[in-house]
Every structure is written in C-alpha cells, then in structure tokens.
Amino acid sequence: MGEFEVACAAGSLRLDPAEGDIVHLDHRWTAGGVDLAITFTGAHLLHASVAACVLNDVYREASRLGVPVEGVRVCADGGFSESWSSTGIEYTVEVDSPEEEATVEELIAIVARVAEIPRALRHSAVVTRKS
C-alpha cells in the first residue's frame, strides 16, 4: 500500500482484518456492509471518498444493468506536493461476478464515467470555509 492508500470492499471481496485498520459500515446495496481500510488523516479520507463512491456506483450500475455482483474491492491512492496540493488520485476496481469479463469491464467503464466524487474532483471542486 502507498502512503495514502485506502481500500473499500464488500461481498466476497471483503477485507481481511490483517490488512490494517478496518472500519465496517452498513451499506444499502450489500447485506454484509462495506469494509474500509483507512488511517484517519485528511489525505486518506479524500481517497476513501473516491473508493467508496466507485464501490457504491458499481453496485448501483450493476443493479440497473442486471449484472450480478458478488463482491467489489476498490483501492485508491495518490500523493501530495510539498504545499499539500493533490498530485492526483488513482484507483483500481476488482469485481467478482459470474458474468463474462467483457461485461464486467463495461460495467467498470460506465462507473468511471458516472461516479460523482471522481467527476467532481476532476473538475476541481472549490472548497471554502463558511463563517
């Protein structure tokens, strides 16, 4: 794992507690909930928002398309400059499904286009303090 890597997983691809600090959360798309391997820092939370959004959208889009999904694991990581500007966030997606590989790849491609948090970050969200 990189310095700021997080992993978010559900179903048959849930995390092993030996993988680090694991937080378990209820999830509307999975009966067993979601595991999140994370260290509590702002950098990790930023990356976790990407991983969680992608995982959630895999389940949502799979349901919409009728693609059975038995498990999902998303890992997200990235770096920061000396002034703490993000140098970018990369993520990987693993989907456990009985469908053909091409169908799963198309599902992942759709999610890459529609996932809200990655889309917002790609367009440089403005963050301000409200007084």
N, C-alpha and C. Protein backbone atom coordinates (compact mmCIF):
# COMPACT_ATOMS: atom_id res chain seq x y z
N MET A 1 0.83 -1.19 0.00
CA MET A 1 0.00 0.00 0.00
C MET A 1 0.87 1.25 0.00
N GLY A 2 0.42 2.26 -0.74
CA GLY A 2 1.12 3.54 -0.73
C GLY A 2 0.88 4.28 0.57
N GLU A 3 1.53 5.41 0.71
CA GLU A 3 1.45 6.16 1.95
C GLU A 3 0.02 6.59 2.29
N PHE A 4 -0.79 6.88 1.27
CA PHE A 4 -2.16 7.35 1.50
C PHE A 4 -3.20 6.43 0.85
N GLU A 5 -2.87 5.15 0.68
CA GLU A 5 -3.79 4.21 0.04
C GLU A 5 -4.88 3.78 1.01
N VAL A 6 -6.07 3.64 0.46
CA VAL A 6 -7.20 3.09 1.19
C VAL A 6 -7.80 1.97 0.36
N ALA A 7 -8.52 1.08 1.02
CA ALA A 7 -9.23 0.00 0.34
C ALA A 7 -10.65 -0.02 0.87
N CYS A 8 -11.60 -0.20 -0.04
CA CYS A 8 -13.01 -0.28 0.30
C CYS A 8 -13.54 -1.54 -0.36
N ALA A 9 -14.20 -2.42 0.42
CA ALA A 9 -14.58 -3.71 -0.16
C ALA A 9 -15.88 -4.22 0.46
N ALA A 10 -16.57 -5.05 -0.34
CA ALA A 10 -17.84 -5.62 0.10
C ALA A 10 -18.02 -6.99 -0.52
N GLY A 11 -18.97 -7.74 0.04
CA GLY A 11 -19.32 -9.05 -0.50
C GLY A 11 -18.18 -10.03 -0.42
N SER A 12 -18.00 -10.80 -1.47
CA SER A 12 -16.97 -11.85 -1.49
C SER A 12 -15.56 -11.30 -1.47
N LEU A 13 -15.39 -10.01 -1.65
CA LEU A 13 -14.05 -9.39 -1.67
C LEU A 13 -13.79 -8.54 -0.43
N ARG A 14 -14.56 -8.79 0.65
CA ARG A 14 -14.36 -8.02 1.88
C ARG A 14 -12.92 -8.16 2.36
N LEU A 15 -12.53 -7.22 3.20
CA LEU A 15 -11.15 -7.13 3.66
C LEU A 15 -10.85 -8.08 4.81
N ASP A 16 -9.60 -8.48 4.89
CA ASP A 16 -9.09 -9.28 5.99
C ASP A 16 -8.63 -8.31 7.07
N PRO A 17 -9.02 -8.50 8.33
CA PRO A 17 -8.59 -7.59 9.39
C PRO A 17 -7.07 -7.44 9.47
N ALA A 18 -6.32 -8.38 8.94
CA ALA A 18 -4.86 -8.28 8.95
C ALA A 18 -4.36 -7.20 7.99
N GLU A 19 -5.27 -6.67 7.15
CA GLU A 19 -4.88 -5.65 6.17
C GLU A 19 -4.75 -4.26 6.78
N GLY A 20 -4.94 -4.11 8.08
CA GLY A 20 -4.78 -2.82 8.72
C GLY A 20 -6.01 -2.42 9.49
N ASP A 21 -6.11 -1.13 9.76
CA ASP A 21 -7.26 -0.60 10.48
C ASP A 21 -8.49 -0.69 9.58
N ILE A 22 -9.47 -1.48 10.01
CA ILE A 22 -10.68 -1.71 9.22
C ILE A 22 -11.88 -1.09 9.93
N VAL A 23 -12.64 -0.31 9.19
CA VAL A 23 -13.89 0.25 9.67
C VAL A 23 -15.00 -0.46 8.89
N HIS A 24 -16.03 -0.91 9.60
CA HIS A 24 -17.15 -1.58 8.94
C HIS A 24 -18.35 -0.64 8.94
N LEU A 25 -18.98 -0.49 7.77
CA LEU A 25 -20.12 0.40 7.61
C LEU A 25 -21.29 -0.33 6.97
N ASP A 26 -22.49 0.01 7.39
CA ASP A 26 -23.67 -0.51 6.72
C ASP A 26 -23.72 0.07 5.31
N HIS A 27 -24.37 -0.66 4.41
CA HIS A 27 -24.41 -0.22 3.01
C HIS A 27 -25.73 -0.65 2.40
N ARG A 28 -26.39 0.25 1.71
CA ARG A 28 -27.71 -0.05 1.16
C ARG A 28 -27.70 -1.09 0.06
N TRP A 29 -26.57 -1.29 -0.61
CA TRP A 29 -26.52 -2.22 -1.75
C TRP A 29 -26.03 -3.61 -1.36
N THR A 30 -25.51 -3.78 -0.14
CA THR A 30 -24.96 -5.08 0.25
C THR A 30 -25.47 -5.48 1.64
N ALA A 31 -25.84 -6.74 1.77
CA ALA A 31 -26.35 -7.23 3.06
C ALA A 31 -25.27 -7.20 4.14
N GLY A 32 -24.03 -7.48 3.78
CA GLY A 32 -22.95 -7.57 4.76
C GLY A 32 -22.23 -6.27 5.02
N GLY A 33 -22.61 -5.21 4.37
CA GLY A 33 -21.96 -3.92 4.58
C GLY A 33 -20.64 -3.81 3.83
N VAL A 34 -19.91 -2.77 4.15
CA VAL A 34 -18.66 -2.42 3.47
C VAL A 34 -17.55 -2.30 4.50
N ASP A 35 -16.38 -2.81 4.14
CA ASP A 35 -15.18 -2.64 4.97
C ASP A 35 -14.31 -1.57 4.34
N LEU A 36 -13.73 -0.74 5.19
CA LEU A 36 -12.85 0.33 4.73
C LEU A 36 -11.54 0.24 5.50
N ALA A 37 -10.44 0.01 4.78
CA ALA A 37 -9.11 0.01 5.40
C ALA A 37 -8.57 1.43 5.25
N ILE A 38 -8.40 2.09 6.38
CA ILE A 38 -8.05 3.51 6.34
C ILE A 38 -7.31 3.92 7.61
N THR A 39 -6.45 4.88 7.45
CA THR A 39 -5.85 5.59 8.56
C THR A 39 -6.54 6.94 8.61
N PHE A 40 -6.85 7.43 9.80
CA PHE A 40 -7.64 8.65 9.90
C PHE A 40 -6.78 9.89 9.70
N THR A 41 -6.60 10.25 8.42
CA THR A 41 -5.98 11.52 8.05
C THR A 41 -6.84 12.12 6.94
N GLY A 42 -6.69 13.41 6.72
CA GLY A 42 -7.44 14.06 5.65
C GLY A 42 -7.12 13.47 4.29
N ALA A 43 -5.86 13.15 4.06
CA ALA A 43 -5.46 12.57 2.77
C ALA A 43 -6.14 11.23 2.55
N HIS A 44 -6.16 10.40 3.58
CA HIS A 44 -6.82 9.10 3.46
C HIS A 44 -8.33 9.27 3.25
N LEU A 45 -8.94 10.21 3.94
CA LEU A 45 -10.37 10.43 3.79
C LEU A 45 -10.72 10.91 2.38
N LEU A 46 -9.88 11.75 1.80
CA LEU A 46 -10.10 12.18 0.42
C LEU A 46 -10.10 10.97 -0.51
N HIS A 47 -9.12 10.11 -0.36
CA HIS A 47 -9.02 8.93 -1.21
C HIS A 47 -10.15 7.94 -0.92
N ALA A 48 -10.57 7.86 0.35
CA ALA A 48 -11.68 6.98 0.71
C ALA A 48 -12.97 7.44 0.05
N SER A 49 -13.14 8.75 -0.10
CA SER A 49 -14.36 9.23 -0.76
C SER A 49 -14.43 8.76 -2.19
N VAL A 50 -13.29 8.71 -2.86
CA VAL A 50 -13.25 8.20 -4.24
C VAL A 50 -13.55 6.70 -4.25
N ALA A 51 -12.86 5.95 -3.39
CA ALA A 51 -13.05 4.49 -3.36
C ALA A 51 -14.49 4.12 -3.01
N ALA A 52 -15.06 4.78 -2.02
CA ALA A 52 -16.42 4.47 -1.59
C ALA A 52 -17.43 4.82 -2.68
N CYS A 53 -17.23 5.94 -3.34
CA CYS A 53 -18.14 6.34 -4.41
C CYS A 53 -18.10 5.34 -5.55
N VAL A 54 -16.91 4.92 -5.95
CA VAL A 54 -16.77 3.96 -7.04
C VAL A 54 -17.41 2.63 -6.65
N LEU A 55 -17.13 2.15 -5.44
CA LEU A 55 -17.74 0.89 -4.99
C LEU A 55 -19.26 0.99 -5.02
N ASN A 56 -19.79 2.07 -4.45
CA ASN A 56 -21.24 2.25 -4.42
C ASN A 56 -21.82 2.25 -5.83
N ASP A 57 -21.15 2.95 -6.74
CA ASP A 57 -21.67 3.05 -8.09
C ASP A 57 -21.53 1.75 -8.88
N VAL A 58 -20.57 0.91 -8.54
CA VAL A 58 -20.51 -0.42 -9.16
C VAL A 58 -21.80 -1.17 -8.83
N TYR A 59 -22.18 -1.17 -7.55
CA TYR A 59 -23.40 -1.86 -7.17
C TYR A 59 -24.64 -1.21 -7.81
N ARG A 60 -24.69 0.10 -7.81
CA ARG A 60 -25.85 0.80 -8.37
C ARG A 60 -26.01 0.51 -9.86
N GLU A 61 -24.92 0.67 -10.60
CA GLU A 61 -24.98 0.47 -12.06
C GLU A 61 -25.19 -1.00 -12.40
N ALA A 62 -24.61 -1.90 -11.63
CA ALA A 62 -24.81 -3.33 -11.86
C ALA A 62 -26.28 -3.67 -11.68
N SER A 63 -26.90 -3.10 -10.65
CA SER A 63 -28.33 -3.34 -10.43
C SER A 63 -29.15 -2.81 -11.60
N ARG A 64 -28.82 -1.63 -12.04
CA ARG A 64 -29.53 -1.00 -13.16
C ARG A 64 -29.41 -1.83 -14.44
N LEU A 65 -28.22 -2.40 -14.66
CA LEU A 65 -27.94 -3.17 -15.88
C LEU A 65 -28.28 -4.65 -15.76
N GLY A 66 -28.62 -5.11 -14.56
CA GLY A 66 -28.91 -6.52 -14.36
C GLY A 66 -27.68 -7.40 -14.34
N VAL A 67 -26.55 -6.84 -13.93
CA VAL A 67 -25.29 -7.58 -13.84
C VAL A 67 -25.14 -8.07 -12.40
N PRO A 68 -25.10 -9.38 -12.17
CA PRO A 68 -24.92 -9.87 -10.80
C PRO A 68 -23.51 -9.58 -10.29
N VAL A 69 -23.44 -9.09 -9.05
CA VAL A 69 -22.15 -8.77 -8.43
C VAL A 69 -22.09 -9.47 -7.09
N GLU A 70 -21.05 -10.26 -6.89
CA GLU A 70 -20.88 -10.98 -5.63
C GLU A 70 -19.92 -10.26 -4.68
N GLY A 71 -19.07 -9.40 -5.23
CA GLY A 71 -18.13 -8.65 -4.40
C GLY A 71 -17.45 -7.57 -5.20
N VAL A 72 -17.01 -6.53 -4.48
CA VAL A 72 -16.29 -5.41 -5.09
C VAL A 72 -15.19 -4.98 -4.14
N ARG A 73 -14.04 -4.66 -4.71
CA ARG A 73 -12.95 -4.05 -3.94
C ARG A 73 -12.37 -2.91 -4.76
N VAL A 74 -12.27 -1.74 -4.13
CA VAL A 74 -11.70 -0.57 -4.78
C VAL A 74 -10.56 -0.07 -3.90
N CYS A 75 -9.40 0.14 -4.49
CA CYS A 75 -8.26 0.73 -3.79
C CYS A 75 -7.96 2.07 -4.44
N ALA A 76 -7.75 3.10 -3.61
CA ALA A 76 -7.44 4.43 -4.12
C ALA A 76 -6.20 4.95 -3.41
N ASP A 77 -5.37 5.66 -4.15
CA ASP A 77 -4.13 6.20 -3.60
C ASP A 77 -3.75 7.44 -4.39
N GLY A 78 -2.89 8.22 -3.82
CA GLY A 78 -2.39 9.41 -4.50
C GLY A 78 -1.36 10.09 -3.64
N GLY A 79 -0.76 11.10 -4.21
CA GLY A 79 0.27 11.82 -3.49
C GLY A 79 -0.07 13.29 -3.35
N PHE A 80 0.83 14.00 -2.70
CA PHE A 80 0.65 15.42 -2.47
C PHE A 80 1.98 16.13 -2.64
N SER A 81 1.90 17.36 -3.14
CA SER A 81 3.11 18.17 -3.30
C SER A 81 3.56 18.69 -1.94
N GLU A 82 4.66 19.42 -1.92
CA GLU A 82 5.15 19.99 -0.67
C GLU A 82 4.16 20.98 -0.08
N SER A 83 3.32 21.59 -0.92
CA SER A 83 2.31 22.53 -0.43
C SER A 83 0.97 21.83 -0.17
N TRP A 84 0.94 20.52 -0.20
CA TRP A 84 -0.23 19.67 0.05
C TRP A 84 -1.30 19.82 -1.01
N SER A 85 -0.90 20.11 -2.23
CA SER A 85 -1.83 20.02 -3.36
C SER A 85 -1.80 18.57 -3.83
N SER A 86 -2.95 18.04 -4.14
CA SER A 86 -3.00 16.66 -4.63
C SER A 86 -2.26 16.55 -5.94
N THR A 87 -1.48 15.50 -6.07
CA THR A 87 -0.80 15.23 -7.34
C THR A 87 -1.62 14.27 -8.19
N GLY A 88 -2.83 13.98 -7.73
CA GLY A 88 -3.73 13.10 -8.47
C GLY A 88 -4.10 11.88 -7.64
N ILE A 89 -5.21 11.29 -8.01
CA ILE A 89 -5.71 10.10 -7.32
C ILE A 89 -5.92 9.01 -8.35
N GLU A 90 -5.40 7.84 -8.08
CA GLU A 90 -5.59 6.67 -8.94
C GLU A 90 -6.34 5.61 -8.16
N TYR A 91 -7.18 4.85 -8.86
CA TYR A 91 -7.90 3.78 -8.18
C TYR A 91 -7.95 2.54 -9.07
N THR A 92 -8.08 1.40 -8.41
CA THR A 92 -8.28 0.13 -9.10
C THR A 92 -9.60 -0.45 -8.63
N VAL A 93 -10.24 -1.23 -9.51
CA VAL A 93 -11.53 -1.84 -9.19
C VAL A 93 -11.44 -3.33 -9.49
N GLU A 94 -11.85 -4.13 -8.53
CA GLU A 94 -11.97 -5.58 -8.72
C GLU A 94 -13.43 -5.95 -8.48
N VAL A 95 -14.02 -6.65 -9.43
CA VAL A 95 -15.42 -7.06 -9.31
C VAL A 95 -15.50 -8.57 -9.44
N ASP A 96 -16.15 -9.20 -8.48
CA ASP A 96 -16.42 -10.64 -8.52
C ASP A 96 -17.83 -10.83 -9.07
N SER A 97 -17.93 -11.36 -10.27
CA SER A 97 -19.22 -11.55 -10.92
C SER A 97 -19.15 -12.79 -11.79
N PRO A 98 -20.26 -13.52 -11.90
CA PRO A 98 -20.28 -14.68 -12.80
C PRO A 98 -20.40 -14.28 -14.27
N GLU A 99 -20.57 -12.99 -14.54
CA GLU A 99 -20.68 -12.52 -15.93
C GLU A 99 -19.34 -12.62 -16.64
N GLU A 100 -19.40 -12.55 -17.97
CA GLU A 100 -18.18 -12.57 -18.77
C GLU A 100 -17.33 -11.34 -18.46
N GLU A 101 -16.02 -11.48 -18.65
CA GLU A 101 -15.08 -10.40 -18.36
C GLU A 101 -15.43 -9.12 -19.12
N ALA A 102 -15.86 -9.24 -20.36
CA ALA A 102 -16.21 -8.06 -21.16
C ALA A 102 -17.38 -7.30 -20.54
N THR A 103 -18.34 -8.00 -19.99
CA THR A 103 -19.49 -7.36 -19.35
C THR A 103 -19.05 -6.61 -18.10
N VAL A 104 -18.17 -7.22 -17.31
CA VAL A 104 -17.66 -6.59 -16.10
C VAL A 104 -16.82 -5.37 -16.46
N GLU A 105 -16.01 -5.49 -17.49
CA GLU A 105 -15.18 -4.34 -17.92
C GLU A 105 -16.07 -3.19 -18.39
N GLU A 106 -17.15 -3.48 -19.07
CA GLU A 106 -18.07 -2.43 -19.50
C GLU A 106 -18.73 -1.77 -18.29
N LEU A 107 -19.11 -2.56 -17.29
CA LEU A 107 -19.66 -2.03 -16.05
C LEU A 107 -18.67 -1.06 -15.40
N ILE A 108 -17.42 -1.47 -15.30
CA ILE A 108 -16.39 -0.62 -14.68
C ILE A 108 -16.18 0.65 -15.50
N ALA A 109 -16.23 0.55 -16.81
CA ALA A 109 -16.08 1.73 -17.68
C ALA A 109 -17.23 2.72 -17.48
N ILE A 110 -18.45 2.19 -17.34
CA ILE A 110 -19.61 3.05 -17.08
C ILE A 110 -19.42 3.77 -15.75
N VAL A 111 -19.02 3.03 -14.73
CA VAL A 111 -18.81 3.63 -13.41
C VAL A 111 -17.74 4.72 -13.48
N ALA A 112 -16.68 4.50 -14.24
CA ALA A 112 -15.63 5.51 -14.37
C ALA A 112 -16.19 6.82 -14.94
N ARG A 113 -17.22 6.71 -15.77
CA ARG A 113 -17.83 7.90 -16.36
C ARG A 113 -18.83 8.58 -15.43
N VAL A 114 -19.54 7.80 -14.61
CA VAL A 114 -20.66 8.38 -13.85
C VAL A 114 -20.38 8.62 -12.37
N ALA A 115 -19.35 8.06 -11.80
CA ALA A 115 -19.09 8.19 -10.36
C ALA A 115 -18.93 9.67 -9.98
N GLU A 116 -19.77 10.12 -9.07
CA GLU A 116 -19.91 11.53 -8.77
C GLU A 116 -18.68 12.17 -8.12
N ILE A 117 -18.09 11.54 -7.13
CA ILE A 117 -16.94 12.13 -6.44
C ILE A 117 -15.74 12.26 -7.37
N PRO A 118 -15.35 11.20 -8.10
CA PRO A 118 -14.26 11.39 -9.06
C PRO A 118 -14.57 12.49 -10.10
N ARG A 119 -15.81 12.55 -10.55
CA ARG A 119 -16.18 13.60 -11.52
C ARG A 119 -16.02 14.99 -10.92
N ALA A 120 -16.47 15.17 -9.68
CA ALA A 120 -16.35 16.47 -9.02
C ALA A 120 -14.88 16.85 -8.86
N LEU A 121 -14.06 15.90 -8.44
CA LEU A 121 -12.63 16.19 -8.25
C LEU A 121 -11.93 16.49 -9.57
N ARG A 122 -12.33 15.82 -10.63
CA ARG A 122 -11.74 16.10 -11.95
C ARG A 122 -12.01 17.53 -12.39
N HIS A 123 -13.09 18.09 -11.90
CA HIS A 123 -13.47 19.45 -12.28
C HIS A 123 -13.07 20.47 -11.21
N SER A 124 -12.15 20.08 -10.35
CA SER A 124 -11.59 20.97 -9.33
C SER A 124 -12.66 21.66 -8.49
N ALA A 125 -13.19 20.94 -7.56
CA ALA A 125 -14.20 21.50 -6.66
C ALA A 125 -13.60 22.65 -5.86
N VAL A 126 -14.39 23.68 -5.66
CA VAL A 126 -13.98 24.81 -4.82
C VAL A 126 -14.42 24.51 -3.39
N VAL A 127 -13.50 24.67 -2.46
CA VAL A 127 -13.79 24.43 -1.05
C VAL A 127 -13.53 25.71 -0.29
N THR A 128 -14.53 26.21 0.43
CA THR A 128 -14.36 27.43 1.22
C THR A 128 -14.92 27.22 2.61
N ARG A 129 -14.42 28.00 3.56
CA ARG A 129 -14.93 27.97 4.92
C ARG A 129 -16.11 28.92 5.00
N LYS A 130 -17.19 28.44 5.56
CA LYS A 130 -18.39 29.26 5.73
C LYS A 130 -18.34 29.88 7.12
N SER A 131 -18.46 31.20 7.19
CA SER A 131 -18.38 31.86 8.51
C SER A 131 -19.72 32.05 9.15
